[in-house]
Protein backbone atom coordinates (compact mmCIF):
# COMPACT_ATOMS: atom_id res chain seq x y z
CA UNK A 1 34.14 119.38 75.80
CA UNK A 2 33.75 119.93 72.05
CA UNK A 3 35.21 116.71 70.60
CA UNK A 4 35.62 118.08 67.08
CA UNK A 5 37.52 121.10 68.37
CA UNK A 6 39.71 118.83 70.51
CA UNK A 7 40.61 116.81 67.42
CA UNK A 8 41.36 119.96 65.39
CA UNK A 9 43.54 121.44 68.15
CA UNK A 10 45.75 118.34 68.41
CA UNK A 11 45.91 117.92 64.62
CA UNK A 12 47.00 121.55 64.28
CA UNK A 13 49.90 120.87 66.66
CA UNK A 14 51.20 118.21 64.27
CA UNK A 15 50.69 120.50 61.28
CA UNK A 16 52.53 123.33 63.03
CA UNK A 17 55.57 121.09 63.49
CA UNK A 18 56.05 120.20 59.83
CA UNK A 19 59.61 120.90 58.63
CA UNK A 20 61.12 121.84 55.31
CA UNK A 21 63.00 118.89 53.77
CA UNK A 22 66.23 120.89 53.85
CA UNK A 23 65.83 121.18 57.64
CA UNK A 24 65.24 117.47 58.33
CA UNK A 25 67.26 116.13 61.26
CA UNK A 26 67.37 112.98 63.36
CA UNK A 27 67.27 112.84 67.14
CA UNK A 28 68.66 109.94 69.15
CA UNK A 29 67.88 108.63 72.64
CA UNK A 30 70.05 105.92 74.15
CA UNK A 31 69.15 104.30 77.46
CA UNK A 32 71.90 102.63 79.48
CA UNK A 33 72.14 100.74 82.74
CA UNK A 34 74.83 101.71 85.22
CA UNK A 35 76.12 98.49 86.75
CA UNK A 36 78.64 97.36 89.33
CA UNK A 37 81.58 95.93 87.38
CA UNK A 38 81.95 92.89 89.64
CA UNK A 39 78.38 91.80 90.30
CA UNK A 40 76.64 93.35 87.26
CA UNK A 41 73.82 94.50 89.55
CA UNK A 42 72.18 97.77 88.55
CA UNK A 43 73.24 100.86 90.46
CA UNK A 44 70.24 102.65 91.96
CA UNK A 45 69.36 106.26 92.57
CA UNK A 46 69.46 105.97 96.33
CA UNK A 47 72.65 104.12 97.20
CA UNK A 48 75.94 105.68 98.16
CA UNK A 49 77.84 106.55 94.98
CA UNK A 50 74.65 105.88 93.04
CA UNK A 51 73.20 107.74 90.08
CA UNK A 52 72.70 110.94 92.10
CA UNK A 53 76.44 111.06 92.69
CA UNK A 54 77.10 110.50 88.97
CA UNK A 55 74.75 113.33 87.95
CA UNK A 56 76.32 115.68 90.48
CA UNK A 57 79.84 114.88 89.27
CA UNK A 58 78.75 115.57 85.68
CA UNK A 59 78.02 119.19 86.67
CA UNK A 60 81.74 119.92 86.45
CA UNK A 61 81.51 119.56 82.65
CA UNK A 62 79.08 122.44 82.22
CA UNK A 63 75.85 120.49 82.55
CA UNK A 64 72.94 122.23 84.28
CA UNK A 65 70.96 120.19 86.80
CA UNK A 66 67.28 119.33 86.33
CA UNK A 67 65.51 119.09 89.69
CA UNK A 68 62.19 118.07 91.18
CA UNK A 69 62.16 119.67 94.59
CA UNK A 70 65.61 119.03 96.06
CA UNK A 71 66.21 115.91 93.98
CA UNK A 72 68.47 116.07 90.95
CA UNK A 73 66.85 113.96 88.23
CA UNK A 74 68.70 114.98 85.09
CA UNK A 75 71.06 117.32 83.28
CA UNK A 76 70.94 119.55 80.21
CA UNK A 77 73.54 121.21 78.01
CA UNK A 78 73.38 122.73 74.52
CA UNK A 79 70.07 121.06 73.62
CA UNK A 80 71.15 117.61 74.85
CA UNK A 81 69.67 116.12 78.02
CA UNK A 82 70.45 113.31 80.44
CA UNK A 83 67.44 111.93 82.29
CA UNK A 84 66.72 108.98 84.54
CA UNK A 85 64.09 106.41 83.69
CA UNK A 86 62.00 104.86 86.52
CA UNK A 87 64.53 102.16 87.44
CA UNK A 88 67.52 104.58 87.32
CA UNK A 89 68.24 103.81 83.66
CA UNK A 90 70.60 106.51 82.39
CA UNK A 91 69.18 108.05 79.22
CA UNK A 92 71.04 110.38 76.88
CA UNK A 93 68.85 112.38 74.48
CA UNK A 94 71.11 113.87 71.83
CA UNK A 95 69.95 117.07 70.18
CA UNK A 96 68.71 116.52 66.61
CA UNK A 97 71.40 116.72 63.93
CA UNK A 98 71.46 116.45 60.14
CA UNK A 99 74.43 114.11 60.00
CA UNK A 100 75.10 110.78 61.68
CA UNK A 101 78.65 111.91 62.33
CA UNK A 102 77.43 114.76 64.52
CA UNK A 103 75.23 112.46 66.61
CA UNK A 104 78.20 110.14 67.03
CA UNK A 105 80.44 113.06 68.09
CA UNK A 106 77.95 114.16 70.74
CA UNK A 107 77.64 110.61 72.02
CA UNK A 108 81.38 110.26 72.41
CA UNK A 109 81.58 113.61 74.17
CA UNK A 110 79.10 112.24 76.72
CA UNK A 111 81.01 108.96 77.11
CA UNK A 112 84.31 110.77 77.59
CA UNK A 113 82.75 112.66 80.49
CA UNK A 114 80.76 109.94 82.24
CA UNK A 115 82.96 106.84 81.89
CA UNK A 116 85.91 108.09 83.99
CA UNK A 117 83.44 109.04 86.77
CA UNK A 118 81.95 105.55 86.73
CA UNK A 119 85.32 103.83 86.48
CA UNK A 120 86.49 105.48 89.70
CA UNK A 121 83.47 103.90 91.43
CA UNK A 122 84.03 100.46 89.88
CA UNK A 123 80.91 100.99 87.79
CA UNK A 124 80.23 100.82 84.05
CA UNK A 125 77.65 101.70 81.43
CA UNK A 126 76.07 98.74 79.69
CA UNK A 127 73.63 98.73 76.78
CA UNK A 128 71.31 95.75 76.90
CA UNK A 129 67.56 95.46 76.44
CA UNK A 130 66.98 94.30 80.02
CA UNK A 131 68.68 94.52 83.40
CA UNK A 132 71.56 92.02 83.20
CA UNK A 133 71.50 90.90 86.84
CA UNK A 134 69.04 92.76 89.09
CA UNK A 135 65.35 91.98 89.23
CA UNK A 136 62.71 94.69 89.34
CA UNK A 137 61.93 93.86 92.98
CA UNK A 138 65.48 94.97 93.82
CA UNK A 139 65.03 98.42 92.33
CA UNK A 140 63.14 101.33 93.84
CA UNK A 141 61.43 103.89 91.59
CA UNK A 142 63.32 107.19 91.44
CA UNK A 143 61.69 110.12 93.34
CA UNK A 144 59.81 111.59 90.39
CA UNK A 145 56.08 112.25 90.77
CA UNK A 146 55.41 111.20 87.17
CA UNK A 147 56.79 107.73 87.78
CA UNK A 148 54.98 107.31 91.11
CA UNK A 149 51.66 107.95 89.36
CA UNK A 150 52.57 105.56 86.55
CA UNK A 151 53.71 102.83 88.94
CA UNK A 152 50.43 103.02 90.86
CA UNK A 153 48.33 103.10 87.69
CA UNK A 154 50.05 100.05 86.18
CA UNK A 155 49.47 97.84 89.23
CA UNK A 156 46.27 96.44 87.74
CA UNK A 157 47.26 96.63 84.06
CA UNK A 158 49.45 94.26 82.05
CA UNK A 159 51.47 91.51 83.70
CA UNK A 160 54.80 93.10 82.70
CA UNK A 161 54.08 96.83 83.08
CA UNK A 162 56.51 97.21 85.99
CA UNK A 163 59.13 95.23 84.07
CA UNK A 164 58.76 97.83 81.33
CA UNK A 165 59.28 100.69 83.77
CA UNK A 166 62.19 99.36 85.80
CA UNK A 167 63.76 96.63 83.71
CA UNK A 168 64.04 97.72 80.08
CA UNK A 169 66.36 99.99 78.11
CA UNK A 170 65.94 101.10 74.53
CA UNK A 171 67.28 103.00 71.57
CA UNK A 172 64.84 105.54 70.10
CA UNK A 173 64.99 107.72 67.01
CA UNK A 174 63.04 110.83 66.04
CA UNK A 175 62.49 111.84 62.42
CA UNK A 176 60.89 114.89 60.82
CA UNK A 177 58.04 115.15 58.31
CA UNK A 178 57.14 117.93 55.87
CA UNK A 179 53.41 117.36 55.32
CA UNK A 180 50.53 115.19 56.47
CA UNK A 181 51.12 112.91 53.50
CA UNK A 182 54.77 112.51 54.47
CA UNK A 183 53.78 111.97 58.11
CA UNK A 184 51.42 109.16 57.10
CA UNK A 185 54.01 107.43 54.92
CA UNK A 186 56.69 107.44 57.60
CA UNK A 187 54.34 106.52 60.43
CA UNK A 188 52.73 103.64 58.53
CA UNK A 189 56.03 102.25 57.25
CA UNK A 190 57.63 102.25 60.71
CA UNK A 191 54.51 100.72 62.29
CA UNK A 192 54.10 97.98 59.67
CA UNK A 193 57.70 96.76 59.87
CA UNK A 194 57.88 97.05 63.66
CA UNK A 195 58.15 93.24 64.23
CA UNK A 196 61.16 93.15 61.89
CA UNK A 197 62.89 95.98 63.73
CA UNK A 198 62.15 94.48 67.14
CA UNK A 199 63.93 91.32 66.11
CA UNK A 200 66.85 92.93 64.27
CA UNK A 201 67.79 94.81 67.46
CA UNK A 202 66.79 92.18 70.01
CA UNK A 203 69.40 92.43 72.79
CA UNK A 204 67.86 90.75 75.85
CA UNK A 205 69.21 87.33 76.78
CA UNK A 206 69.14 87.58 80.58
CA UNK A 207 65.85 88.23 82.36
CA UNK A 208 65.12 88.61 86.07
CA UNK A 209 68.23 86.72 87.14
CA UNK A 210 67.67 83.90 84.65
CA UNK A 211 67.64 83.45 80.89
CA UNK A 212 64.89 84.50 78.50
CA UNK A 213 64.72 81.35 76.38
CA UNK A 214 62.72 82.90 73.55
CA UNK A 215 63.34 85.98 71.40
CA UNK A 216 62.29 89.63 71.40
CA UNK A 217 61.74 90.09 75.12
CA UNK A 218 61.07 93.79 74.51
CA UNK A 219 58.14 93.03 72.23
CA UNK A 220 56.75 90.56 74.74
CA UNK A 221 56.99 93.00 77.64
CA UNK A 222 55.39 95.87 75.76
CA UNK A 223 52.58 93.66 74.50
CA UNK A 224 51.89 92.79 78.15
CA UNK A 225 52.14 96.29 79.55
CA UNK A 226 48.96 98.28 78.88
CA UNK A 227 46.76 97.82 75.83
CA UNK A 228 45.58 101.44 76.03
CA UNK A 229 48.99 102.90 75.27
CA UNK A 230 51.31 100.24 73.81
CA UNK A 231 51.66 98.13 70.67
CA UNK A 232 51.07 99.87 67.36
CA UNK A 233 48.53 102.66 66.98
CA UNK A 234 45.42 100.72 66.03
CA UNK A 235 44.43 103.07 63.19
CA UNK A 236 47.95 103.61 61.80
CA UNK A 237 47.49 101.09 58.98
CA UNK A 238 44.04 102.34 57.98
CA UNK A 239 43.69 104.19 54.67
CA UNK A 240 42.13 107.13 56.53
CA UNK A 241 45.07 107.60 58.91
CA UNK A 242 46.40 111.12 59.41
CA UNK A 243 46.77 113.89 61.97
CA UNK A 244 43.12 113.74 63.06
CA UNK A 245 43.08 109.95 63.44
CA UNK A 246 46.16 110.14 65.68
CA UNK A 247 44.45 112.90 67.66
CA UNK A 248 41.44 110.60 68.17
CA UNK A 249 43.77 107.80 69.29
CA UNK A 250 45.05 110.14 72.02
CA UNK A 251 41.66 111.55 72.99
CA UNK A 252 40.04 108.15 73.57
CA UNK A 253 42.63 106.86 76.03
CA UNK A 254 43.60 107.80 79.61
CA UNK A 255 46.76 109.92 80.08
CA UNK A 256 47.16 108.76 83.74
CA UNK A 257 48.02 112.27 84.98
CA UNK A 258 48.21 115.84 83.71
CA UNK A 259 51.09 118.32 83.90
CA UNK A 260 49.96 121.77 82.76
CA UNK A 261 53.05 123.65 83.89
CA UNK A 262 51.41 124.82 87.09
CA UNK A 263 50.34 121.61 88.74
CA UNK A 264 50.59 117.84 88.30
CA UNK A 265 47.49 115.85 89.15
CA UNK A 266 46.44 112.21 88.88
CA UNK A 267 43.59 111.47 86.44
CA UNK A 268 43.64 107.66 86.61
CA UNK A 269 41.09 106.20 84.15
CA UNK A 270 39.68 109.48 82.82
CA UNK A 271 40.05 109.74 79.04
CA UNK A 272 41.93 112.60 77.44
CA UNK A 273 38.71 113.83 75.83
CA UNK A 274 37.21 114.30 79.31
CA UNK A 275 40.17 116.44 80.40
CA UNK A 276 41.65 118.31 77.45
CA UNK A 277 40.16 121.79 76.97
CA UNK A 278 40.80 122.97 73.38
CA UNK A 279 40.27 126.59 74.47
CA UNK A 280 42.51 126.71 77.53
CA UNK A 281 45.30 124.17 77.09
CA UNK A 282 49.00 125.04 77.17
CA UNK A 283 51.55 123.58 74.77
CA UNK A 284 53.26 121.98 77.77
CA UNK A 285 50.02 120.25 78.75
CA UNK A 286 49.45 118.87 75.25
CA UNK A 287 53.06 117.74 74.87
CA UNK A 288 52.85 116.00 78.24
CA UNK A 289 49.69 114.16 77.15
CA UNK A 290 51.39 112.99 73.95
CA UNK A 291 54.29 111.53 75.98
CA UNK A 292 51.93 109.47 78.14
CA UNK A 293 51.25 107.02 75.31
CA UNK A 294 53.96 104.53 74.35
CA UNK A 295 53.16 102.87 71.01
CA UNK A 296 55.99 101.43 68.92
CA UNK A 297 55.74 104.55 66.76
CA UNK A 298 54.33 107.77 68.16
CA UNK A 299 53.86 111.41 67.21
CA UNK A 300 55.12 114.47 69.02
CA UNK A 301 56.93 117.36 67.30
CA UNK A 302 58.36 114.55 65.21
CA UNK A 303 57.76 110.87 64.61
CA UNK A 304 59.43 108.75 67.26
CA UNK A 305 60.51 105.17 66.45
CA UNK A 306 60.73 103.10 69.63
CA UNK A 307 61.16 99.37 68.91
CA UNK A 308 64.91 98.88 69.32
CA UNK A 309 66.59 97.46 72.41
CA UNK A 310 69.60 99.27 73.77
CA UNK A 311 72.59 98.00 71.78
CA UNK A 312 76.26 98.93 72.15
CA UNK A 313 78.37 101.11 69.90
CA UNK A 314 78.68 100.83 66.92
CA UNK A 315 75.37 98.93 66.43
CA UNK A 316 73.43 101.86 67.87
CA UNK A 317 74.61 104.01 64.98
CA UNK A 318 73.76 101.21 62.56
CA UNK A 319 70.17 101.74 63.69
CA UNK A 320 70.45 105.45 62.90
CA UNK A 321 71.89 104.68 59.47
CA UNK A 322 69.26 102.02 58.72
CA UNK A 323 66.41 104.41 59.37
CA UNK A 324 68.04 107.39 57.69
CA UNK A 325 68.54 105.44 54.47
CA UNK A 326 64.90 104.32 54.55
CA UNK A 327 63.01 107.31 55.91
CA UNK A 328 64.92 110.22 54.35
CA UNK A 329 65.32 108.77 50.86
CA UNK A 330 62.06 109.46 49.04
CA UNK A 331 62.44 106.58 46.59
CA UNK A 332 63.16 104.08 49.35
CA UNK A 333 60.32 105.38 51.49
CA UNK A 334 57.89 104.99 48.60
CA UNK A 335 59.10 101.45 47.87
CA UNK A 336 58.49 100.31 51.42
CA UNK A 337 55.23 102.23 51.63
CA UNK A 338 53.99 100.26 48.63
CA UNK A 339 55.22 97.01 50.21
CA UNK A 340 53.30 97.63 53.45
CA UNK A 341 50.19 99.00 51.71
CA UNK A 342 48.01 95.98 52.47
CA UNK A 343 49.61 94.92 55.75
CA UNK A 344 47.00 94.96 58.52
CA UNK A 345 47.23 95.38 62.27
CA UNK A 346 46.32 91.68 62.52
CA UNK A 347 49.37 90.84 60.38
CA UNK A 348 51.63 92.90 62.63
CA UNK A 349 50.29 91.46 65.87
CA UNK A 350 50.59 87.91 64.53
CA UNK A 351 54.19 88.61 63.48
CA UNK A 352 55.03 89.93 66.94
CA UNK A 353 53.93 86.66 68.49
CA UNK A 354 55.82 84.71 65.84
CA UNK A 355 59.15 86.47 66.43
CA UNK A 356 58.99 85.73 70.16
CA UNK A 357 58.82 82.01 69.32
CA UNK A 358 60.97 81.85 66.16
CA UNK A 359 63.26 84.87 66.19
CA UNK A 360 64.64 85.76 62.75
CA UNK A 361 62.55 82.98 61.23
CA UNK A 362 59.31 84.42 62.51
CA UNK A 363 57.16 85.72 59.66
CA UNK A 364 55.45 88.94 58.73
CA UNK A 365 52.79 87.48 56.48
CA UNK A 366 54.65 85.10 54.11
CA UNK A 367 58.23 86.37 54.55
CA UNK A 368 60.65 85.77 57.39
CA UNK A 369 62.04 88.62 59.43
CA UNK A 370 65.46 87.65 58.16
CA UNK A 371 64.42 88.03 54.52
CA UNK A 372 62.75 91.38 55.11
CA UNK A 373 65.57 92.68 57.30
CA UNK A 374 68.19 91.79 54.74
CA UNK A 375 66.24 93.66 52.08
CA UNK A 376 65.83 96.69 54.36
CA UNK A 377 69.58 96.87 54.90
CA UNK A 378 70.28 96.75 51.17
CA UNK A 379 67.64 99.36 50.48
CA UNK A 380 68.94 101.64 53.21
CA UNK A 381 72.49 101.44 51.86
CA UNK A 382 71.26 102.80 48.54
CA UNK A 383 69.85 105.83 50.33
CA UNK A 384 72.94 106.74 52.36
CA UNK A 385 75.74 109.07 51.32
CA UNK A 386 79.10 107.42 50.76
CA UNK A 387 80.56 108.73 54.01
CA UNK A 388 77.59 107.29 55.96
CA UNK A 389 77.76 103.72 54.64
CA UNK A 390 80.31 102.71 57.27
CA UNK A 391 77.68 103.10 59.99
CA UNK A 392 75.41 100.37 58.68
CA UNK A 393 78.20 97.82 58.12
CA UNK A 394 78.25 96.38 61.70
CA UNK A 395 74.54 95.56 61.37
CA UNK A 396 75.02 94.11 57.89
CA UNK A 397 77.92 91.91 59.02
CA UNK A 398 75.97 90.60 62.02
CA UNK A 399 72.86 90.02 59.92
CA UNK A 400 74.79 88.18 57.22
CA UNK A 401 75.69 85.69 59.94
CA UNK A 402 71.97 85.34 60.73
CA UNK A 403 72.73 86.78 64.14
CA UNK A 404 71.02 89.24 66.46
CA UNK A 405 72.60 91.05 69.43
CA UNK A 406 70.81 88.62 71.73
CA UNK A 407 72.23 85.74 69.70
CA UNK A 408 75.73 87.11 70.10
CA UNK A 409 75.37 87.05 73.87
CA UNK A 410 73.78 83.60 73.82
CA UNK A 411 76.69 82.28 71.77
CA UNK A 412 79.09 83.45 74.48
CA UNK A 413 76.93 82.43 77.46
CA UNK A 414 79.04 79.33 78.20
CA UNK A 415 81.82 81.73 79.29
CA UNK A 416 79.65 83.09 82.09
CA UNK A 417 77.52 86.21 82.24
CA UNK A 418 80.35 88.74 82.62
CA UNK A 419 82.22 87.56 79.55
CA UNK A 420 79.05 86.94 77.59
CA UNK A 421 78.06 90.59 78.06
CA UNK A 422 81.43 92.32 77.99
CA UNK A 423 80.81 93.38 74.37
CA UNK A 424 77.85 95.46 75.63
CA UNK A 425 79.93 97.41 78.15
CA UNK A 426 81.02 100.83 76.96
CA UNK A 427 84.74 101.29 77.41
CA UNK A 428 87.96 101.44 75.37
CA UNK A 429 86.75 104.55 73.61
CA UNK A 430 87.61 105.13 69.99
CA UNK A 431 88.28 108.81 69.48
CA UNK A 432 86.01 110.26 66.81
CA UNK A 433 87.87 112.68 64.60
CA UNK A 434 86.61 114.92 61.84
CA UNK A 435 88.49 113.02 59.16
CA UNK A 436 87.05 113.05 55.68
CA UNK A 437 83.78 114.47 56.95
CA UNK A 438 82.06 116.53 54.30
CA UNK A 439 79.04 118.72 54.73
CA UNK A 440 75.88 117.15 53.30
CA UNK A 441 73.31 119.61 52.06
């Protein structure tokens, strides 16, 4: 294989997906667990009235089934998809929108459809960073070839790779870029402040039937998953970072398996550069390869920000607002870019260890996560339109109390698990109306 041509081919993909600023949107992925209301155990794919039944009942609302063989594994409608993660986590990927309000509307449309189905089965959706009751040994991988390959591959990798697959749930955002320079700014900013974001949205108190007595379980699990594809991209904070450096990051690591649209085959430890043909590849094959690496921040047709635990409404939309006010306000982006200019990968990795032990008082270099997070919230507010400010307020109020989502659950733990976590269960819907919503150009 011609390595230089491989690099150029992948870099061109990123260049081809640049957007005009006027067309910038944000995409949102929210992973949930479906639990039994009484026991809080996670509902699996295989059981009677399990996630298969839920997907099939959703078809009545105009969703189209996504199948692998005879197995229904997801749904799609109007650019939005519902998919299942390896441990039957129920993920909603909302189509990209310009306005937070529109993402919120689409989320509530989904909840209004799925919650009555679950309620009739004595089940509920819960948004936490980790399974609230079940352990990963209780949960069988869903019948998806991709996940079978991954499960086998991870057997001799990090100590918590299977916890990542079957036990975690997250909130992920996608943001657009209009040039390589803009791509670099956004990617480096999100990567450098990743320890701060991990801690701000830490929502995992219960772990494998017990209590996680530290902080930022998500960060800990991902750091002990697979060094080849997790953590932050090792060259992201280098001065030379750009499309080609990210392409090299991909090429020099193993994609586990390949899906070229015609066949899916296991590649195990073979590196991408030993597989990827720059003359014969399909877009589907390249996009599959890009999804097989899971750094805190990654590149596809957009930049994907992946550090947040699953958190309940309205905190999930606080995350959207926080990032929108930072990433899509040029002045704010430049301010943070200057702040992170001399932050190194060693600084970030040290901070990740520190937040696990000290939570909000862990440090990124000489500042605590709390200090940096508070400043990020204030900065973001200055970059939001007036009718978007309401979305960041739940995060600001919680942070002013020096609290994280995990801390909120811990504070209520004396009441028992069900009451400690009832604030994470999605019910009692608030109808979202188009009141006072103005178009933002």
